[in-house]
Amino acid sequence: MGVFLKTEILPECLLGVWEITEDYDALYSMVNLATVEKAKLDSFRNISRKLEWLSVRALVKNMLGKDTRIIYNADNKPFLKGYTHNISISHSNNLTAVLLSPDMRVGIDLEYMSGKISKVADKFINQNEIITGNPELVKNHLYLHWCAKEAMYKICEKQDVNFRDGLTVLPFEPEDHGFMEGNVINGTGIEKFELEYLLHDNYALVWCCKK
C-alpha cells in the first residue's frame, strides 16, 4: 500500500503515514541505504522490525522527495542528516507514522487499539484528567490520552517529565478527528501544547508541532 496519508499540518510541518503491505525485498528496493544503515538493518533479527525500519526510510523519502539518513544524538533522539529536519517516528501493528519539520519541535504517537488499555489506565491517567462515561467511547478516549502523552513526552525530549503526573490532557470528547490541549510540567515549569488527533481503522494517532 505504501503512503496513504501525507499532509502539511502547519507551514513547514509535514505528516506522513505508511501502511506496510510490502515484503522485505519490495521495501528494500525503495530506499538507497548507506553502508552503516545496511549494517543496522542486518542487526535486526525480527523481520517485522526490519519492515518497520525500512518503512520509515521509504516514508521519509516519499515525504521529502529524496533519500536521506536518519541519525541519532547522544540521547537517542532522531534527526535527519545535517540536522535539516526534526523528526518524530511511531510504529504500531502495520502502520508507520512520521512527523517532519525543519524548525519546529515535533511529537507523534500511533497505537493500534487492542482493547487492553483499560487494565493499565491508572498507570498513566492522573487525578486531573477526565475520561468519558460513555462505555462505547472509553477505549478510544484512553488510547487518545496515551498517544497524546507520548507525543508530548517526545516533543519535550523525555527529560525530567513524570509520564503520569507531569503530563495532563485537558478534557475533550473523542471524535473521529479533532483537537485537544495538554500541559507538561518539568523542572523548567509548565508548557502548554495543542494536539491534533485522528482515529482510523482501529488506530489512534496524535501529533503536535510547536516552535
Protein backbone atom coordinates (compact mmCIF):
# COMPACT_ATOMS: atom_id res chain seq x y z
CA MET A 1 0.00 0.00 0.00
CA GLY A 2 2.72 2.47 0.99
CA VAL A 3 1.72 6.06 1.79
CA PHE A 4 -1.97 6.53 2.46
CA LEU A 5 -1.71 9.86 4.30
CA LYS A 6 0.61 12.78 3.59
CA THR A 7 -0.39 16.28 4.59
CA GLU A 8 1.05 19.59 5.73
CA ILE A 9 -0.20 20.11 9.29
CA LEU A 10 1.23 23.60 9.55
CA PRO A 11 3.60 25.50 7.26
CA GLU A 12 6.87 23.56 7.43
CA CYS A 13 5.33 20.67 9.41
CA LEU A 14 4.60 17.52 7.38
CA LEU A 15 2.76 14.39 8.50
CA GLY A 16 3.02 11.04 6.73
CA VAL A 17 1.57 7.58 7.43
CA TRP A 18 2.62 4.36 5.67
CA GLU A 19 0.72 1.07 5.65
CA ILE A 20 3.14 -1.85 5.46
CA THR A 21 1.80 -4.33 2.93
CA GLU A 22 5.09 -4.83 1.04
CA ASP A 23 7.52 -7.67 1.66
CA TYR A 24 11.15 -7.15 2.62
CA ASP A 25 12.55 -7.09 -0.92
CA ALA A 26 9.96 -4.59 -2.12
CA LEU A 27 10.64 -2.17 0.74
CA TYR A 28 14.40 -2.59 0.46
CA SER A 29 14.26 -1.69 -3.23
CA MET A 30 12.56 1.62 -2.40
CA VAL A 31 15.49 3.10 -0.49
CA ASN A 32 19.18 3.66 -1.09
CA LEU A 33 20.94 2.76 2.15
CA ALA A 34 24.41 3.80 3.25
CA THR A 35 26.78 1.08 4.46
CA VAL A 36 26.19 1.94 8.10
CA GLU A 37 22.43 1.74 7.55
CA LYS A 38 22.71 -1.67 5.91
CA ALA A 39 24.67 -2.89 8.92
CA LYS A 40 21.99 -1.56 11.24
CA LEU A 41 19.25 -3.25 9.22
CA ASP A 42 21.15 -6.55 9.24
CA SER A 43 21.43 -6.37 13.04
CA PHE A 44 17.67 -6.79 13.46
CA ARG A 45 16.70 -10.44 13.85
CA ASN A 46 12.94 -9.91 13.65
CA ILE A 47 11.52 -9.47 10.17
CA SER A 48 8.77 -7.20 11.49
CA ARG A 49 11.41 -4.89 12.93
CA LYS A 50 13.21 -4.85 9.58
CA LEU A 51 9.98 -3.93 7.77
CA GLU A 52 9.22 -1.16 10.26
CA TRP A 53 12.73 0.27 9.92
CA LEU A 54 12.60 0.19 6.12
CA SER A 55 9.10 1.69 6.03
CA VAL A 56 10.31 4.74 7.96
CA ARG A 57 13.06 5.38 5.39
CA ALA A 58 10.68 4.80 2.49
CA LEU A 59 8.13 7.16 4.03
CA VAL A 60 10.66 9.93 4.70
CA LYS A 61 11.94 9.59 1.14
CA ASN A 62 8.40 9.95 -0.18
CA MET A 63 7.71 12.96 2.05
CA LEU A 64 10.89 14.83 1.07
CA GLY A 65 11.30 13.50 -2.46
CA LYS A 66 14.83 12.23 -1.83
CA ASP A 67 16.87 9.71 0.14
CA THR A 68 18.20 10.97 3.45
CA ARG A 69 19.74 9.41 6.53
CA ILE A 70 18.15 9.37 9.95
CA ILE A 71 20.74 9.86 12.66
CA TYR A 72 20.51 9.79 16.45
CA ASN A 73 22.11 12.07 19.03
CA ALA A 74 23.60 11.02 22.37
CA ASP A 75 20.10 10.84 23.89
CA ASN A 76 18.89 8.58 21.04
CA LYS A 77 16.71 11.37 19.63
CA PRO A 78 16.35 11.09 15.83
CA PHE A 79 17.24 13.86 13.38
CA LEU A 80 17.78 13.98 9.66
CA LYS A 81 21.36 14.08 8.39
CA GLY A 82 22.82 17.54 8.63
CA TYR A 83 20.15 18.40 11.20
CA THR A 84 17.98 19.70 8.33
CA HIS A 85 14.75 18.49 9.98
CA ASN A 86 13.39 17.48 13.33
CA ILE A 87 11.64 14.13 13.12
CA SER A 88 9.32 12.08 15.30
CA ILE A 89 8.56 8.44 14.50
CA SER A 90 5.96 5.93 15.66
CA HIS A 91 5.01 2.36 14.70
CA SER A 92 2.10 0.13 15.60
CA ASN A 93 0.95 -3.10 14.01
CA ASN A 94 1.05 -2.43 10.23
CA LEU A 95 1.32 1.35 10.29
CA THR A 96 4.28 3.72 10.45
CA ALA A 97 3.87 7.44 11.15
CA VAL A 98 6.41 10.26 10.74
CA LEU A 99 6.25 13.97 11.56
CA LEU A 100 8.86 16.27 9.99
CA SER A 101 9.75 19.94 10.35
CA PRO A 102 12.90 21.96 9.58
CA ASP A 103 12.44 24.34 12.50
CA MET A 104 9.55 23.23 14.70
CA ARG A 105 9.63 20.74 17.56
CA VAL A 106 7.59 17.65 16.71
CA GLY A 107 5.99 14.75 18.54
CA ILE A 108 3.81 11.91 17.25
CA ASP A 109 2.39 8.66 18.55
CA LEU A 110 0.43 5.89 16.86
CA GLU A 111 -1.26 2.95 18.58
CA TYR A 112 -3.34 0.03 17.42
CA MET A 113 -6.29 -0.08 19.82
CA SER A 114 -6.25 -3.66 21.08
CA GLY A 115 -8.75 -3.02 23.86
CA LYS A 116 -6.47 -3.97 26.74
CA ILE A 117 -5.63 -0.42 27.77
CA SER A 118 -8.29 -0.08 30.49
CA LYS A 119 -6.35 -2.57 32.63
CA VAL A 120 -3.41 -0.16 32.91
CA ALA A 121 -5.25 3.16 32.79
CA ASP A 122 -4.38 4.02 36.40
CA LYS A 123 -0.70 3.93 35.47
CA PHE A 124 -0.97 6.89 33.07
CA ILE A 125 -4.23 8.74 33.85
CA ASN A 126 -3.81 11.27 36.68
CA GLN A 127 -6.40 12.72 39.05
CA ASN A 128 -6.84 15.88 36.97
CA GLU A 129 -7.83 14.01 33.81
CA ILE A 130 -11.38 13.07 32.86
CA ILE A 131 -12.33 10.01 30.82
CA THR A 132 -15.75 9.82 29.18
CA GLY A 133 -18.52 7.94 30.93
CA ASN A 134 -19.79 6.57 27.62
CA PRO A 135 -18.73 2.88 27.62
CA GLU A 136 -18.63 2.82 23.81
CA LEU A 137 -16.02 5.60 23.75
CA VAL A 138 -13.85 4.69 26.75
CA LYS A 139 -11.32 2.65 24.75
CA ASN A 140 -10.86 5.41 22.17
CA HIS A 141 -10.58 8.05 24.86
CA LEU A 142 -7.93 6.15 26.80
CA TYR A 143 -5.85 5.46 23.71
CA LEU A 144 -6.02 9.10 22.67
CA HIS A 145 -4.84 10.10 26.15
CA TRP A 146 -1.96 7.66 25.91
CA CYS A 147 -0.95 8.83 22.43
CA ALA A 148 -1.20 12.49 23.44
CA LYS A 149 1.08 11.89 26.41
CA GLU A 150 3.57 10.01 24.25
CA ALA A 151 3.58 12.83 21.68
CA MET A 152 4.19 15.47 24.38
CA TYR A 153 6.79 13.26 26.03
CA LYS A 154 8.69 13.04 22.75
CA ILE A 155 8.43 16.73 21.92
CA CYS A 156 9.90 17.53 25.35
CA GLU A 157 12.70 15.03 24.66
CA LYS A 158 11.58 12.80 27.56
CA GLN A 159 13.59 14.87 30.02
CA ASP A 160 12.57 15.49 33.63
CA VAL A 161 8.95 14.53 32.97
CA ASN A 162 6.76 12.18 35.02
CA PHE A 163 4.61 10.40 32.44
CA ARG A 164 1.53 10.01 34.65
CA ASP A 165 1.50 13.18 36.71
CA GLY A 166 3.71 15.54 34.71
CA LEU A 167 1.65 15.15 31.53
CA THR A 168 -2.00 16.20 31.60
CA VAL A 169 -4.55 16.06 28.79
CA LEU A 170 -7.36 18.57 29.25
CA PRO A 171 -10.97 17.35 29.00
CA PHE A 172 -12.30 16.67 25.49
CA GLU A 173 -14.94 14.48 23.84
CA PRO A 174 -13.38 11.91 21.49
CA GLU A 175 -14.45 12.05 17.86
CA ASP A 176 -13.00 10.55 14.68
CA HIS A 177 -10.84 13.65 14.18
CA GLY A 178 -10.27 16.59 16.45
CA PHE A 179 -8.04 18.65 18.68
CA MET A 180 -7.06 18.56 22.32
CA GLU A 181 -4.88 20.54 24.69
CA GLY A 182 -2.24 19.29 27.08
CA ASN A 183 0.18 20.55 29.72
CA VAL A 184 3.68 19.35 30.54
CA ILE A 185 5.25 20.01 33.94
CA ASN A 186 9.01 19.60 34.30
CA GLY A 187 11.91 21.28 36.03
CA THR A 188 11.52 24.45 33.98
CA GLY A 189 7.80 24.98 34.69
CA ILE A 190 4.59 24.36 32.72
CA GLU A 191 4.36 24.26 28.95
CA LYS A 192 1.08 24.11 27.00
CA PHE A 193 0.51 22.19 23.79
CA GLU A 194 -2.25 21.92 21.20
CA LEU A 195 -2.51 18.46 19.70
CA GLU A 196 -4.43 17.05 16.77
CA TYR A 197 -5.75 13.50 16.58
CA LEU A 198 -7.22 11.01 14.16
CA LEU A 199 -8.98 7.69 14.68
CA HIS A 200 -8.70 5.36 11.69
CA ASP A 201 -9.46 1.67 11.29
CA ASN A 202 -8.90 0.91 15.00
CA TYR A 203 -5.76 3.05 15.20
CA ALA A 204 -5.28 6.16 17.29
CA LEU A 205 -2.88 8.82 16.00
CA VAL A 206 -1.93 12.02 17.84
CA TRP A 207 0.62 14.67 16.84
CA CYS A 208 1.82 18.15 17.73
CA CYS A 209 4.17 20.73 16.22
CA LYS A 210 5.49 23.71 18.16
CA LYS A 211 8.23 26.31 17.89
